[in-house]
C-alpha atoms as a PDB file:
ATOM      1  CA  MET A   1      -9.869   5.034   9.122  1.00  0.00           C
ATOM      2  CA  PRO A   2      -7.445   8.003   9.237  1.00  0.00           C
ATOM      3  CA  ASP A   3      -6.964   9.971  12.470  1.00  0.00           C
ATOM      4  CA  ALA A   4      -8.617   7.242  14.514  1.00  0.00           C
ATOM      5  CA  VAL A   5      -7.454   4.993  17.335  1.00  0.00           C
ATOM      6  CA  LEU A   6      -8.477   1.362  17.758  1.00  0.00           C
ATOM      7  CA  LEU A   7      -8.326  -0.258  21.193  1.00  0.00           C
ATOM      8  CA  VAL A   8      -8.769  -4.032  21.368  1.00  0.00           C
ATOM      9  CA  ASP A   9      -9.455  -5.443  24.841  1.00  0.00           C
ATOM     10  CA  GLY A  10      -8.182  -9.011  24.792  1.00  0.00           C
ATOM     11  CA  LYS A  11      -9.636  -9.868  28.188  1.00  0.00           C
ATOM     12  CA  LYS A  12     -13.174  -8.710  27.517  1.00  0.00           C
ATOM     13  CA  ARG A  13     -12.972  -9.415  23.790  1.00  0.00           C
ATOM     14  CA  GLU A  14     -14.164  -5.924  22.935  1.00  0.00           C
ATOM     15  CA  SER A  15     -13.079  -3.434  20.283  1.00  0.00           C
ATOM     16  CA  HIS A  16     -13.337   0.316  20.795  1.00  0.00           C
ATOM     17  CA  LEU A  17     -12.917   2.912  18.073  1.00  0.00           C
ATOM     18  CA  PHE A  18     -12.071   6.531  18.920  1.00  0.00           C
ATOM     19  CA  TYR A  19     -12.531   9.330  16.410  1.00  0.00           C
ATOM     20  CA  THR A  20     -14.268  12.664  15.948  1.00  0.00           C
ATOM     21  CA  THR A  21     -16.088  13.578  12.786  1.00  0.00           C
ATOM     22  CA  SER A  22     -19.456  14.797  11.571  1.00  0.00           C
ATOM     23  CA  GLU A  23     -21.902  14.064   8.797  1.00  0.00           C
ATOM     24  CA  ASP A  24     -21.393  17.515   7.275  1.00  0.00           C
ATOM     25  CA  TYR A  25     -17.603  17.173   7.306  1.00  0.00           C
ATOM     26  CA  LEU A  26     -17.687  13.783   5.608  1.00  0.00           C
ATOM     27  CA  LYS A  27     -20.102  15.015   2.948  1.00  0.00           C
ATOM     28  CA  GLY A  28     -17.852  18.017   2.335  1.00  0.00           C
ATOM     29  CA  GLU A  29     -14.888  15.693   1.813  1.00  0.00           C
ATOM     30  CA  GLY A  30     -16.862  13.531  -0.609  1.00  0.00           C
ATOM     31  CA  GLN A  31     -17.005  10.594   1.811  1.00  0.00           C
ATOM     32  CA  SER A  32     -19.892   8.508   3.039  1.00  0.00           C
ATOM     33  CA  PRO A  33     -21.606  10.096   6.078  1.00  0.00           C
ATOM     34  CA  GLU A  34     -22.427   6.624   7.374  1.00  0.00           C
ATOM     35  CA  ILE A  35     -19.333   6.600   9.584  1.00  0.00           C
ATOM     36  CA  ALA A  36     -20.851   9.479  11.556  1.00  0.00           C
ATOM     37  CA  THR A  37     -24.486   8.421  11.467  1.00  0.00           C
ATOM     38  CA  ASN A  38     -24.080   4.666  11.945  1.00  0.00           C
ATOM     39  CA  PRO A  39     -20.472   3.890  12.954  1.00  0.00           C
ATOM     40  CA  GLU A  40     -21.089   0.305  14.075  1.00  0.00           C
ATOM     41  CA  GLU A  41     -22.677  -0.600  10.741  1.00  0.00           C
ATOM     42  CA  ALA A  42     -19.955   1.200   8.774  1.00  0.00           C
ATOM     43  CA  THR A  43     -16.957  -0.202  10.658  1.00  0.00           C
ATOM     44  CA  GLY A  44     -18.162  -3.451  12.219  1.00  0.00           C
ATOM     45  CA  ILE A  45     -16.735  -2.317  15.575  1.00  0.00           C
ATOM     46  CA  GLU A  46     -19.205  -2.547  18.417  1.00  0.00           C
ATOM     47  CA  PHE A  47     -18.052   0.337  20.627  1.00  0.00           C
ATOM     48  CA  TRP A  48     -17.168   3.802  19.402  1.00  0.00           C
ATOM     49  CA  HIS A  49     -16.303   7.018  21.221  1.00  0.00           C
ATOM     50  CA  LYS A  50     -15.330  10.591  20.582  1.00  0.00           C
ATOM     51  CA  ALA A  51     -11.566  11.013  20.308  1.00  0.00           C
ATOM     52  CA  ASP A  52     -11.259  12.802  23.663  1.00  0.00           C
ATOM     53  CA  GLN A  53     -12.545   9.690  25.436  1.00  0.00           C
ATOM     54  CA  PHE A  54      -9.501   7.608  24.548  1.00  0.00           C
ATOM     55  CA  GLY A  55      -7.590   8.584  27.702  1.00  0.00           C
ATOM     56  CA  PRO A  56     -10.355   7.763  30.209  1.00  0.00           C
ATOM     57  CA  VAL A  57     -11.264   4.472  28.534  1.00  0.00           C
ATOM     58  CA  LEU A  58      -7.619   3.386  28.291  1.00  0.00           C
ATOM     59  CA  SER A  59      -6.947   4.351  31.911  1.00  0.00           C
ATOM     60  CA  ALA A  60      -9.887   2.264  33.072  1.00  0.00           C
ATOM     61  CA  ARG A  61      -8.556  -0.758  31.204  1.00  0.00           C
ATOM     62  CA  ILE A  62      -5.008  -0.310  32.525  1.00  0.00           C
ATOM     63  CA  ALA A  63      -6.298   0.026  36.091  1.00  0.00           C
ATOM     64  CA  GLU A  64      -7.573  -3.550  35.778  1.00  0.00           C
ATOM     65  CA  GLY A  65      -4.014  -4.749  35.184  1.00  0.00           C
ATOM     66  CA  GLY A  66      -2.268  -6.570  32.355  1.00  0.00           C
ATOM     67  CA  LEU A  67      -0.050  -5.277  29.616  1.00  0.00           C
ATOM     68  CA  VAL A  68      -0.435  -3.157  26.478  1.00  0.00           C
ATOM     69  CA  TYR A  69       0.577  -4.147  22.971  1.00  0.00           C
ATOM     70  CA  THR A  70       1.131  -1.319  20.513  1.00  0.00           C
ATOM     71  CA  PRO A  71       3.144  -1.061  17.277  1.00  0.00           C
ATOM     72  CA  PHE A  72       6.580   0.547  17.578  1.00  0.00           C
ATOM     73  CA  THR A  73       7.041   0.750  13.800  1.00  0.00           C
ATOM     74  CA  ALA A  74       5.232   3.202  11.533  1.00  0.00           C
ATOM     75  CA  GLU A  75       2.882   1.801   8.904  1.00  0.00           C
ATOM     76  CA  GLU A  76       4.517   4.016   6.290  1.00  0.00           C
ATOM     77  CA  PHE A  77       7.969   5.578   6.125  1.00  0.00           C
ATOM     78  CA  ASN A  78       7.966   9.059   7.685  1.00  0.00           C
ATOM     79  CA  ASN A  79      10.295  11.457   5.893  1.00  0.00           C
ATOM     80  CA  ASP A  80       9.966  14.014   8.696  1.00  0.00           C
ATOM     81  CA  VAL A  81      11.656  11.881  11.346  1.00  0.00           C
ATOM     82  CA  ALA A  82      15.042  10.138  11.031  1.00  0.00           C
ATOM     83  CA  THR A  83      15.066   8.047  14.196  1.00  0.00           C
ATOM     84  CA  SER A  84      18.472   6.462  13.592  1.00  0.00           C
ATOM     85  CA  SER A  85      20.202   9.660  12.441  1.00  0.00           C
ATOM     86  CA  GLU A  86      22.747  11.306  14.723  1.00  0.00           C
ATOM     87  CA  TRP A  87      21.442  14.673  13.485  1.00  0.00           C
ATOM     88  CA  ASP A  88      17.839  13.939  14.333  1.00  0.00           C
ATOM     89  CA  GLY A  89      17.282  10.872  16.483  1.00  0.00           C
ATOM     90  CA  ARG A  90      13.694  11.713  17.427  1.00  0.00           C
ATOM     91  CA  LEU A  91      11.282   8.930  18.184  1.00  0.00           C
ATOM     92  CA  ASN A  92       8.628   8.217  15.594  1.00  0.00           C
ATOM     93  CA  ARG A  93       4.983   8.670  16.574  1.00  0.00           C
ATOM     94  CA  GLU A  94       4.575   5.026  17.525  1.00  0.00           C
ATOM     95  CA  GLN A  95       7.675   4.966  19.722  1.00  0.00           C
ATOM     96  CA  GLN A  96       6.653   8.235  21.349  1.00  0.00           C
ATOM     97  CA  PHE A  97       3.248   6.786  22.234  1.00  0.00           C
ATOM     98  CA  ALA A  98       4.907   3.758  23.853  1.00  0.00           C
ATOM     99  CA  ARG A  99       7.163   6.054  25.894  1.00  0.00           C
ATOM    100  CA  VAL A 100       4.221   8.193  27.057  1.00  0.00           C
ATOM    101  CA  LEU A 101       2.380   5.050  28.153  1.00  0.00           C
ATOM    102  CA  LYS A 102       5.339   3.953  30.275  1.00  0.00           C
ATOM    103  CA  ASP A 103       5.778   7.426  31.781  1.00  0.00           C
ATOM    104  CA  LYS A 104       2.075   7.935  32.482  1.00  0.00           C
ATOM    105  CA  TYR A 105       1.377   4.478  33.896  1.00  0.00           C
ATOM    106  CA  LEU A 106       4.349   3.508  36.042  1.00  0.00           C
ATOM    107  CA  GLY A 107       5.039  -0.198  36.028  1.00  0.00           C
ATOM    108  CA  LEU A 108       2.933  -0.840  32.927  1.00  0.00           C
ATOM    109  CA  GLU A 109       4.431  -3.415  30.579  1.00  0.00           C
ATOM    110  CA  VAL A 110       4.358  -2.192  26.976  1.00  0.00           C
ATOM    111  CA  LYS A 111       5.256  -4.594  24.165  1.00  0.00           C
ATOM    112  CA  ASP A 112       5.768  -4.135  20.437  1.00  0.00           C
ATOM    113  CA  CYS A 113       3.127  -5.835  18.274  1.00  0.00           C
ATOM    114  CA  SER A 114       4.380  -4.617  14.879  1.00  0.00           C
ATOM    115  CA  GLN A 115       5.494  -8.037  13.700  1.00  0.00           C
ATOM    116  CA  LEU A 116       2.308  -9.677  14.980  1.00  0.00           C
ATOM    117  CA  ILE A 117       0.240  -7.318  12.843  1.00  0.00           C
ATOM    118  CA  TRP A 118       2.337  -7.992   9.742  1.00  0.00           C
ATOM    119  CA  ASP A 119       2.114 -11.753  10.320  1.00  0.00           C
ATOM    120  CA  LEU A 120      -1.676 -11.528  10.556  1.00  0.00           C
ATOM    121  CA  ARG A 121      -1.810  -9.592   7.299  1.00  0.00           C
ATOM    122  CA  MET A 122      -0.471 -12.638   5.491  1.00  0.00           C
ATOM    123  CA  ILE A 123      -3.810 -14.310   6.168  1.00  0.00           C
ATOM    124  CA  LYS A 124      -6.486 -12.844   3.900  1.00  0.00           C
ATOM    125  CA  SER A 125     -10.225 -13.195   4.262  1.00  0.00           C
ATOM    126  CA  PRO A 126     -12.355 -14.112   1.237  1.00  0.00           C
ATOM    127  CA  ALA A 127     -13.508 -10.471   1.021  1.00  0.00           C
ATOM    128  CA  GLU A 128      -9.895  -9.250   0.977  1.00  0.00           C
ATOM    129  CA  ILE A 129      -8.952 -11.736  -1.729  1.00  0.00           C
ATOM    130  CA  VAL A 130     -11.773 -10.446  -3.917  1.00  0.00           C
ATOM    131  CA  LYS A 131     -10.433  -6.904  -3.599  1.00  0.00           C
ATOM    132  CA  MET A 132      -6.858  -7.984  -4.352  1.00  0.00           C
ATOM    133  CA  LYS A 133      -8.029  -9.846  -7.434  1.00  0.00           C
ATOM    134  CA  MET A 134      -9.910  -6.764  -8.606  1.00  0.00           C
ATOM    135  CA  ALA A 135      -6.797  -4.607  -8.156  1.00  0.00           C
ATOM    136  CA  GLY A 136      -4.791  -7.132 -10.170  1.00  0.00           C
ATOM    137  CA  LYS A 137      -7.425  -7.381 -12.902  1.00  0.00           C
ATOM    138  CA  ILE A 138      -7.642  -3.617 -13.373  1.00  0.00           C
ATOM    139  CA  GLY A 139      -3.860  -3.295 -13.309  1.00  0.00           C
ATOM    140  CA  ALA A 140      -3.408  -6.084 -15.873  1.00  0.00           C
ATOM    141  CA  GLU A 141      -5.953  -4.517 -18.222  1.00  0.00           C
ATOM    142  CA  ALA A 142      -4.197  -1.162 -17.892  1.00  0.00           C
ATOM    143  CA  MET A 143      -0.847  -2.794 -18.674  1.00  0.00           C
ATOM    144  CA  ASN A 144      -2.341  -4.375 -21.794  1.00  0.00           C
ATOM    145  CA  ALA A 145      -3.520  -0.933 -22.890  1.00  0.00           C
ATOM    146  CA  VAL A 146      -0.010   0.435 -22.370  1.00  0.00           C
ATOM    147  CA  MET A 147       1.574  -2.344 -24.470  1.00  0.00           C
ATOM    148  CA  LYS A 148      -0.934  -1.862 -27.288  1.00  0.00           C
ATOM    149  CA  ALA A 149      -0.431   1.924 -27.369  1.00  0.00           C
ATOM    150  CA  ALA A 150       3.363   2.019 -27.012  1.00  0.00           C
ATOM    151  CA  CYS A 151       5.322   2.899 -30.121  1.00  0.00           C
ATOM    152  CA  PRO A 152       8.453   4.813 -31.104  1.00  0.00           C
ATOM    153  CA  GLY A 153       7.943   8.564 -30.934  1.00  0.00           C
ATOM    154  CA  MET A 154       5.928   8.547 -27.707  1.00  0.00           C
ATOM    155  CA  TYR A 155       7.122  10.012 -24.435  1.00  0.00           C
ATOM    156  CA  GLU A 156       7.140   7.905 -21.294  1.00  0.00           C
ATOM    157  CA  TYR A 157       4.716  10.330 -19.655  1.00  0.00           C
ATOM    158  CA  GLU A 158       2.113   9.492 -22.287  1.00  0.00           C
ATOM    159  CA  LEU A 159       2.187   5.836 -21.260  1.00  0.00           C
ATOM    160  CA  SER A 160       2.198   6.710 -17.570  1.00  0.00           C
ATOM    161  CA  SER A 161      -0.870   8.886 -18.064  1.00  0.00           C
ATOM    162  CA  LEU A 162      -2.574   6.149 -20.052  1.00  0.00           C
ATOM    163  CA  PHE A 163      -2.006   3.604 -17.286  1.00  0.00           C
ATOM    164  CA  GLU A 164      -3.477   5.921 -14.658  1.00  0.00           C
ATOM    165  CA  TYR A 165      -6.418   6.812 -16.893  1.00  0.00           C
ATOM    166  CA  GLU A 166      -7.282   3.170 -17.526  1.00  0.00           C
ATOM    167  CA  CYS A 167      -7.252   2.490 -13.789  1.00  0.00           C
ATOM    168  CA  MET A 168      -9.137   5.614 -12.759  1.00  0.00           C
ATOM    169  CA  ARG A 169     -11.917   5.140 -15.282  1.00  0.00           C
ATOM    170  CA  LYS A 170     -12.640   1.742 -13.704  1.00  0.00           C
ATOM    171  CA  GLY A 171     -13.122   3.176 -10.245  1.00  0.00           C
ATOM    172  CA  CYS A 172      -9.649   3.308  -8.701  1.00  0.00           C
ATOM    173  CA  GLN A 173      -9.025   6.378  -6.576  1.00  0.00           C
ATOM    174  CA  GLU A 174      -5.221   6.293  -6.636  1.00  0.00           C
ATOM    175  CA  MET A 175      -2.136   4.332  -7.616  1.00  0.00           C
ATOM    176  CA  ALA A 176      -0.396   2.077  -5.127  1.00  0.00           C
ATOM    177  CA  PHE A 177       2.805   3.985  -5.932  1.00  0.00           C
ATOM    178  CA  GLU A 178       4.079   6.335  -8.608  1.00  0.00           C
ATOM    179  CA  VAL A 179       4.203   4.681 -12.025  1.00  0.00           C
ATOM    180  CA  ILE A 180       7.748   3.477 -12.752  1.00  0.00           C
ATOM    181  CA  ILE A 181       8.920   3.505 -16.377  1.00  0.00           C
ATOM    182  CA  SER A 182      12.470   2.997 -17.586  1.00  0.00           C
ATOM    183  CA  SER A 183      14.090   2.498 -20.952  1.00  0.00           C
ATOM    184  CA  ALA A 184      17.565   2.543 -22.523  1.00  0.00           C
ATOM    185  CA  GLU A 185      20.140   4.162 -20.226  1.00  0.00           C
ATOM    186  CA  ASN A 186      17.605   4.408 -17.384  1.00  0.00           C
ATOM    187  CA  HIS A 187      17.160   0.638 -16.946  1.00  0.00           C
ATOM    188  CA  LYS A 188      19.818   0.597 -14.246  1.00  0.00           C
ATOM    189  CA  TYR A 189      17.685   2.847 -12.039  1.00  0.00           C
ATOM    190  CA  LEU A 190      15.259   0.488 -10.328  1.00  0.00           C
ATOM    191  CA  HIS A 191      12.597   3.079  -9.488  1.00  0.00           C
ATOM    192  CA  TYR A 192      13.005   5.523 -12.366  1.00  0.00           C
ATOM    193  CA  ALA A 193       9.873   7.676 -12.511  1.00  0.00           C
ATOM    194  CA  GLN A 194      10.840  10.833 -14.382  1.00  0.00           C
ATOM    195  CA  HIS A 195       8.670   9.890 -17.393  1.00  0.00           C
ATOM    196  CA  ASN A 196      10.770  12.241 -19.503  1.00  0.00           C
ATOM    197  CA  ARG A 197      12.368  10.108 -22.207  1.00  0.00           C
ATOM    198  CA  LEU A 198      11.272  10.017 -25.842  1.00  0.00           C
ATOM    199  CA  LEU A 199      10.954   6.383 -26.894  1.00  0.00           C
ATOM    200  CA  THR A 200      12.819   5.397 -30.034  1.00  0.00           C
ATOM    201  CA  ASP A 201      12.802   2.400 -32.352  1.00  0.00           C
ATOM    202  CA  GLY A 202      14.595  -0.541 -30.710  1.00  0.00           C
ATOM    203  CA  ASP A 203      13.947   0.581 -27.123  1.00  0.00           C
ATOM    204  CA  PHE A 204      13.076  -2.024 -24.527  1.00  0.00           C
ATOM    205  CA  LEU A 205      10.595  -0.721 -21.956  1.00  0.00           C
ATOM    206  CA  VAL A 206      10.054  -1.719 -18.320  1.00  0.00           C
ATOM    207  CA  VAL A 207       6.839  -0.615 -16.601  1.00  0.00           C
ATOM    208  CA  ASP A 208       6.162  -1.229 -12.904  1.00  0.00           C
ATOM    209  CA  ALA A 209       2.772   0.004 -11.713  1.00  0.00           C
ATOM    210  CA  VAL A 210      -0.505  -0.974 -10.108  1.00  0.00           C
ATOM    211  CA  PRO A 211      -3.656   0.738  -8.877  1.00  0.00           C
ATOM    212  CA  ALA A 212      -5.044   0.697  -5.363  1.00  0.00           C
ATOM    213  CA  TRP A 213      -8.527  -0.776  -5.175  1.00  0.00           C
ATOM    214  CA  GLU A 214     -10.345   0.010  -1.927  1.00  0.00           C
ATOM    215  CA  ASP A 215      -6.985   0.185  -0.085  1.00  0.00           C
ATOM    216  CA  TYR A 216      -5.704  -3.129  -1.504  1.00  0.00           C
ATOM    217  CA  ASP A 217      -2.761  -3.305  -3.883  1.00  0.00           C
ATOM    218  CA  THR A 218      -0.968  -5.774  -6.062  1.00  0.00           C
ATOM    219  CA  ASP A 219       2.289  -5.247  -7.945  1.00  0.00           C
ATOM    220  CA  ILE A 220       2.759  -5.788 -11.676  1.00  0.00           C
ATOM    221  CA  SER A 221       5.897  -5.352 -13.780  1.00  0.00           C
ATOM    222  CA  ILE A 222       6.086  -5.852 -17.540  1.00  0.00           C
ATOM    223  CA  SER A 223       8.904  -5.561 -20.064  1.00  0.00           C
ATOM    224  CA  PHE A 224       8.603  -5.462 -23.840  1.00  0.00           C
ATOM    225  CA  PRO A 225      10.111  -3.926 -26.987  1.00  0.00           C
ATOM    226  CA  VAL A 226       8.477  -0.608 -27.875  1.00  0.00           C
ATOM    227  CA  ASN A 227       8.278  -1.482 -31.570  1.00  0.00           C
ATOM    228  CA  GLY A 228       6.660  -4.857 -30.798  1.00  0.00           C
ATOM    229  CA  LYS A 229       9.595  -6.956 -32.056  1.00  0.00           C
ATOM    230  CA  PHE A 230      12.330  -8.555 -29.947  1.00  0.00           C
ATOM    231  CA  THR A 231      15.881  -8.376 -31.184  1.00  0.00           C
ATOM    232  CA  PRO A 232      17.764 -11.664 -30.651  1.00  0.00           C
ATOM    233  CA  ARG A 233      19.625 -10.162 -27.691  1.00  0.00           C
ATOM    234  CA  GLN A 234      16.458  -8.722 -26.132  1.00  0.00           C
ATOM    235  CA  LYS A 235      14.718 -12.077 -26.447  1.00  0.00           C
ATOM    236  CA  GLU A 236      17.681 -13.884 -24.884  1.00  0.00           C
ATOM    237  CA  ILE A 237      17.721 -11.593 -21.838  1.00  0.00           C
ATOM    238  CA  TYR A 238      13.928 -11.608 -21.546  1.00  0.00           C
ATOM    239  CA  GLU A 239      13.711 -15.406 -21.561  1.00  0.00           C
ATOM    240  CA  ALA A 240      16.574 -15.679 -19.052  1.00  0.00           C
ATOM    241  CA  CYS A 241      14.837 -13.307 -16.635  1.00  0.00           C
ATOM    242  CA  LYS A 242      11.556 -15.144 -17.098  1.00  0.00           C
ATOM    243  CA  THR A 243      13.210 -18.480 -16.302  1.00  0.00           C
ATOM    244  CA  VAL A 244      14.803 -17.098 -13.113  1.00  0.00           C
ATOM    245  CA  SER A 245      11.526 -15.511 -12.024  1.00  0.00           C
ATOM    246  CA  LEU A 246       9.574 -18.736 -12.493  1.00  0.00           C
ATOM    247  CA  ALA A 247      12.272 -20.744 -10.702  1.00  0.00           C
ATOM    248  CA  CYS A 248      12.024 -18.428  -7.708  1.00  0.00           C
ATOM    249  CA  SER A 249       8.240 -18.736  -7.427  1.00  0.00           C
ATOM    250  CA  VAL A 250       6.852 -20.228  -4.223  1.00  0.00           C
ATOM    251  CA  ASN A 251       4.112 -22.822  -4.767  1.00  0.00           C
ATOM    252  CA  GLY A 252       2.972 -20.874  -7.778  1.00  0.00           C
ATOM    253  CA  CYS A 253       1.943 -17.857  -5.696  1.00  0.00           C
ATOM    254  CA  ILE A 254       4.622 -15.590  -7.128  1.00  0.00           C
ATOM    255  CA  ARG A 255       4.148 -15.508 -10.880  1.00  0.00           C
ATOM    256  CA  SER A 256       6.632 -14.343 -13.467  1.00  0.00           C
ATOM    257  CA  MET A 257       6.615 -10.565 -13.507  1.00  0.00           C
ATOM    258  CA  THR A 258       8.307 -10.487 -16.896  1.00  0.00           C
ATOM    259  CA  GLY A 259       6.044 -12.962 -18.636  1.00  0.00           C
ATOM    260  CA  LEU A 260       2.676 -12.942 -16.889  1.00  0.00           C
ATOM    261  CA  TYR A 261       1.134 -10.208 -19.004  1.00  0.00           C
ATOM    262  CA  ARG A 262       3.097 -10.789 -22.172  1.00  0.00           C
END
């Protein structure tokens, strides 16, 4: 939930959610009002509070002793803060929160739990796996549509738009990242996303894209000749990349990105 704070009390085995919203606001934003009307049912968290109660509740917990774990690393890269730059050097939001905790509660031990959170994310519940499979299924079907439609004389932006359309019409709200398409001289740019090249006969196309399904993503890359026919050299390189990809797979969990949706 955006703009919310989650406090997990390890001693009492309680979870507390802090946020401020209203039924009218959520309806106006096109979201379910259930978070405001029935937060425990909507979130599964037993205790919830208005955002301004975070300080008092946290202070009460800290007064009982112990230590606080909080992430020091941002969930997503923040372009507004360059922590390691000599020209900026500001703390990110997570680091600033840790500093405020130490300044406000003298003697409090504050530890970084960023890696713990990422380690836990490797373990997926059955419900999460279902969502990841759905994201992969929709993405694969969209990639198939792109391969069937691609032909010389099309612009890359036409295929990018087609991929997004195929995903959106099946219920996806957004892409996991901007659709990456490269061909010809742009192959050397790993994340080329200008979508501005006119495809010509003999071009070999690389597409890297995937939708987000209920906040869960997968990642699919495909490569194929635009005219539907491999030249001997294209086939040689394609098969070599496929062999390397399969050889690098771990217990079959990482499938060939070049050949999976061929």
